[in-house]
């Protein structure tokens, strides 16, 4: 019996294009000015310190750190301090009405239904927890944030590592077989399945996701195809 559902965001609940064509360029354009103007803020200062530690650059050389952060953006690196800064920049965009987060109607519909049925809902995404919360608070389907019981990001561990999913199981206090993980990435599903979690591969052709006939995960093209009572 499924008692909790953990979902990815990009390519699963939401279009990849929104992240890559809206959020990433927005943060890239504003990151240098944002860091220079807000370097004394605790969250920004910590992100810069973490960037310095990871890169080996001097912590007080903000120009070099900004260059490193922009390089990570260009390389699409899943680096925690970059994700933290992107989340802070995206917050301004959301709150100023520059955009709303995309979510597929079938995902919004089912998430609400599952919540009403008493299922605990969680997010596990490479984006920071802060960015995840903004994403669902300012979605095209309205404020979906209250539907979720918790969030996980790269501070839990890499998304393709079974240890990350064992950590999630421990945090939820549930046996792995009572947790369903949804993602568009087979390697992530493989890692979750290795812990005993139930898995479903969300295949959205409009996002370029392709079904791999050699993988054994259940496949759906819409959240409406998921019936947790049959799992």
Protein backbone atom coordinates (compact mmCIF):
# COMPACT_ATOMS: atom_id res chain seq x y z
CA UNK A 1 0.00 0.00 0.00
CA UNK A 2 1.35 3.41 -0.97
CA UNK A 3 1.33 5.86 1.92
CA UNK A 4 3.61 8.55 0.50
CA UNK A 5 4.49 9.90 -2.95
CA UNK A 6 7.78 11.59 -3.75
CA UNK A 7 7.88 13.47 -7.04
CA UNK A 8 10.51 15.06 -9.21
CA UNK A 9 9.64 18.42 -10.80
CA UNK A 10 11.39 19.10 -14.10
CA UNK A 11 9.94 16.85 -16.81
CA UNK A 12 7.62 15.20 -14.30
CA UNK A 13 5.16 17.68 -12.81
CA UNK A 14 6.33 20.49 -15.05
CA UNK A 15 7.77 21.27 -18.46
CA UNK A 16 11.54 21.21 -18.85
CA UNK A 17 11.27 24.27 -21.11
CA UNK A 18 10.05 26.48 -18.26
CA UNK A 19 13.16 25.74 -16.23
CA UNK A 20 15.64 26.00 -19.09
CA UNK A 21 14.06 28.81 -21.10
CA UNK A 22 12.64 30.99 -18.31
CA UNK A 23 14.18 30.34 -14.90
CA UNK A 24 17.80 29.64 -15.86
CA UNK A 25 18.20 32.67 -18.17
CA UNK A 26 16.47 34.91 -15.61
CA UNK A 27 18.92 33.91 -12.87
CA UNK A 28 21.96 34.02 -15.16
CA UNK A 29 21.22 37.57 -16.28
CA UNK A 30 20.70 38.87 -12.73
CA UNK A 31 23.23 36.82 -10.74
CA UNK A 32 26.24 39.21 -10.96
CA UNK A 33 24.25 42.27 -9.89
CA UNK A 34 22.35 40.32 -7.22
CA UNK A 35 25.52 38.93 -5.61
CA UNK A 36 27.30 42.29 -5.60
CA UNK A 37 24.27 44.05 -4.11
CA UNK A 38 23.42 41.40 -1.52
CA UNK A 39 26.75 39.87 -0.54
CA UNK A 40 26.22 40.78 3.12
CA UNK A 41 22.97 38.83 3.41
CA UNK A 42 23.49 35.62 5.41
CA UNK A 43 22.12 33.30 2.71
CA UNK A 44 24.19 34.93 -0.04
CA UNK A 45 27.33 35.03 2.11
CA UNK A 46 26.97 31.34 2.89
CA UNK A 47 26.46 30.43 -0.76
CA UNK A 48 29.60 32.38 -1.70
CA UNK A 49 31.58 30.68 1.07
CA UNK A 50 30.41 27.29 -0.18
CA UNK A 51 31.32 28.26 -3.74
CA UNK A 52 34.81 29.24 -2.60
CA UNK A 53 35.24 25.93 -0.77
CA UNK A 54 34.14 23.88 -3.78
CA UNK A 55 36.16 25.84 -6.32
CA UNK A 56 39.28 26.61 -4.29
CA UNK A 57 38.89 30.32 -5.01
CA UNK A 58 39.43 33.07 -2.39
CA UNK A 59 36.24 33.69 -0.43
CA UNK A 60 36.66 37.46 -0.65
CA UNK A 61 37.08 37.57 -4.43
CA UNK A 62 33.46 38.03 -5.43
CA UNK A 63 34.27 38.65 -9.09
CA UNK A 64 36.03 35.28 -9.36
CA UNK A 65 33.21 33.56 -7.50
CA UNK A 66 30.63 35.11 -9.82
CA UNK A 67 32.62 33.89 -12.82
CA UNK A 68 32.66 30.39 -11.33
CA UNK A 69 28.92 30.47 -10.68
CA UNK A 70 28.22 31.56 -14.25
CA UNK A 71 30.44 28.77 -15.52
CA UNK A 72 28.46 26.27 -13.46
CA UNK A 73 25.27 27.63 -15.00
CA UNK A 74 26.73 27.20 -18.49
CA UNK A 75 27.71 23.62 -17.63
CA UNK A 76 24.30 22.91 -15.98
CA UNK A 77 26.05 21.80 -12.79
CA UNK A 78 23.84 20.61 -9.93
CA UNK A 79 25.85 22.50 -7.32
CA UNK A 80 24.16 23.35 -4.02
CA UNK A 81 25.41 26.97 -3.56
CA UNK A 82 24.42 27.81 -7.13
CA UNK A 83 20.98 26.35 -6.56
CA UNK A 84 20.64 28.41 -3.38
CA UNK A 85 21.47 31.65 -5.17
CA UNK A 86 19.20 30.84 -8.09
CA UNK A 87 16.35 30.30 -5.63
CA UNK A 88 16.89 33.71 -4.06
CA UNK A 89 16.91 35.39 -7.47
CA UNK A 90 13.86 33.47 -8.67
CA UNK A 91 11.93 34.58 -5.59
CA UNK A 92 12.09 38.16 -6.80
CA UNK A 93 10.81 37.12 -10.21
CA UNK A 94 7.89 35.22 -8.73
CA UNK A 95 6.94 37.94 -6.27
CA UNK A 96 7.23 40.68 -8.86
CA UNK A 97 4.99 38.72 -11.25
CA UNK A 98 7.63 38.25 -13.93
CA UNK A 99 6.46 34.65 -14.44
CA UNK A 100 4.50 31.77 -12.88
CA UNK A 101 5.80 28.24 -12.58
CA UNK A 102 4.55 25.82 -15.19
CA UNK A 103 2.73 22.71 -14.02
CA UNK A 104 0.92 20.15 -16.12
CA UNK A 105 -2.85 20.19 -15.44
CA UNK A 106 -2.87 16.43 -14.85
CA UNK A 107 -0.15 16.80 -12.21
CA UNK A 108 -1.97 19.60 -10.35
CA UNK A 109 -5.21 17.63 -10.47
CA UNK A 110 -3.76 14.41 -9.12
CA UNK A 111 -1.63 16.10 -6.47
CA UNK A 112 -4.75 17.71 -5.05
CA UNK A 113 -6.65 14.41 -5.16
CA UNK A 114 -3.86 12.47 -3.49
CA UNK A 115 -3.60 15.08 -0.75
CA UNK A 116 -7.35 14.93 -0.17
CA UNK A 117 -7.09 11.13 0.05
CA UNK A 118 -4.62 11.48 2.90
CA UNK A 119 -1.45 10.56 1.02
CA UNK A 120 1.68 12.37 2.17
CA UNK A 121 3.31 14.23 -0.72
CA UNK A 122 6.98 15.16 -1.01
CA UNK A 123 9.31 16.68 -3.58
CA UNK A 124 12.82 15.50 -4.45
CA UNK A 125 14.46 17.78 -7.00
CA UNK A 126 17.94 19.01 -7.86
CA UNK A 127 16.63 22.54 -7.31
CA UNK A 128 17.02 23.87 -3.78
CA UNK A 129 14.24 23.34 -1.27
CA UNK A 130 13.70 27.10 -1.27
CA UNK A 131 13.28 27.12 -5.06
CA UNK A 132 10.92 24.14 -4.89
CA UNK A 133 8.65 25.93 -2.43
CA UNK A 134 8.55 29.04 -4.62
CA UNK A 135 7.80 26.89 -7.67
CA UNK A 136 4.69 25.34 -6.16
CA UNK A 137 3.54 28.48 -4.34
CA UNK A 138 3.56 30.55 -7.53
CA UNK A 139 2.34 27.94 -10.02
CA UNK A 140 -0.05 28.43 -12.92
CA UNK A 141 -2.49 26.20 -11.02
CA UNK A 142 -2.40 28.41 -7.93
CA UNK A 143 -0.66 27.87 -4.60
CA UNK A 144 0.04 24.13 -4.40
CA UNK A 145 2.65 24.41 -1.64
CA UNK A 146 0.25 23.42 1.20
CA UNK A 147 -0.24 20.03 -0.49
CA UNK A 148 3.31 18.95 0.37
CA UNK A 149 4.54 17.54 3.66
CA UNK A 150 8.23 18.07 2.92
CA UNK A 151 10.99 18.66 0.40
CA UNK A 152 14.37 17.12 -0.46
CA UNK A 153 17.19 18.48 -2.62
CA UNK A 154 20.86 17.77 -3.32
CA UNK A 155 21.71 18.26 0.36
CA UNK A 156 20.13 14.82 0.82
CA UNK A 157 22.46 13.39 -1.83
CA UNK A 158 22.76 12.86 -5.60
CA UNK A 159 19.52 11.91 -7.28
CA UNK A 160 21.06 8.88 -8.97
CA UNK A 161 22.47 7.40 -5.74
CA UNK A 162 20.48 4.73 -3.83
CA UNK A 163 21.80 6.16 -0.54
CA UNK A 164 19.79 9.33 -1.19
CA UNK A 165 16.56 7.36 -1.36
CA UNK A 166 17.43 5.39 1.77
CA UNK A 167 17.88 8.74 3.51
CA UNK A 168 14.44 9.83 2.30
CA UNK A 169 12.89 6.61 3.59
CA UNK A 170 14.49 7.22 6.98
CA UNK A 171 13.27 10.82 7.02
CA UNK A 172 9.71 9.74 6.19
CA UNK A 173 9.78 6.91 8.70
CA UNK A 174 8.17 4.54 6.23
CA UNK A 175 9.21 1.24 4.66
CA UNK A 176 10.53 1.79 1.14
CA UNK A 177 7.75 -0.32 -0.41
CA UNK A 178 5.15 2.14 0.93
CA UNK A 179 6.72 5.05 -0.95
CA UNK A 180 6.12 5.81 -4.65
CA UNK A 181 8.72 7.82 -6.55
CA UNK A 182 7.82 9.63 -9.79
CA UNK A 183 10.44 10.85 -12.26
CA UNK A 184 11.19 11.24 -15.94
CA UNK A 185 14.81 10.05 -15.45
CA UNK A 186 15.39 6.28 -15.53
CA UNK A 187 18.68 6.47 -13.60
CA UNK A 188 16.86 8.16 -10.71
CA UNK A 189 14.12 5.53 -10.80
CA UNK A 190 16.76 2.78 -10.80
CA UNK A 191 18.33 4.27 -7.67
CA UNK A 192 14.97 4.52 -5.91
CA UNK A 193 14.00 0.98 -6.91
CA UNK A 194 17.29 -0.33 -5.52
CA UNK A 195 16.05 0.66 -2.06
CA UNK A 196 12.69 -1.07 -2.54
CA UNK A 197 10.67 2.02 -3.40
CA UNK A 198 7.89 1.71 -5.93
CA UNK A 199 8.58 3.70 -9.09
CA UNK A 200 6.79 5.14 -12.10
CA UNK A 201 8.47 6.56 -15.18
CA UNK A 202 6.66 9.70 -16.32
CA UNK A 203 7.15 9.85 -20.09
CA UNK A 204 6.11 13.18 -21.56
CA UNK A 205 6.91 13.29 -25.31
CA UNK A 206 6.48 17.06 -25.35
CA UNK A 207 9.50 17.24 -23.02
CA UNK A 208 11.54 14.90 -25.16
CA UNK A 209 11.27 12.03 -22.70
CA UNK A 210 11.52 8.67 -24.42
CA UNK A 211 10.37 5.32 -23.10
CA UNK A 212 13.19 2.81 -22.86
CA UNK A 213 11.88 -0.68 -23.61
CA UNK A 214 14.75 -2.19 -21.61
CA UNK A 215 13.83 -0.52 -18.33
CA UNK A 216 11.30 -2.21 -16.06
CA UNK A 217 9.58 0.74 -14.40
CA UNK A 218 5.86 1.33 -14.93
CA UNK A 219 5.35 4.02 -17.57
CA UNK A 220 2.68 6.74 -17.80
CA UNK A 221 2.21 9.76 -20.03
CA UNK A 222 0.01 11.57 -17.50
CA UNK A 223 -0.53 11.60 -13.75
CA UNK A 224 -4.15 10.70 -14.54
CA UNK A 225 -2.93 7.21 -15.49
CA UNK A 226 -1.62 6.58 -11.96
CA UNK A 227 -3.95 4.67 -9.67
CA UNK A 228 -2.26 4.28 -6.30
CA UNK A 229 -4.86 1.73 -5.22
CA UNK A 230 -3.53 -0.68 -7.85
CA UNK A 231 0.08 -0.44 -6.71
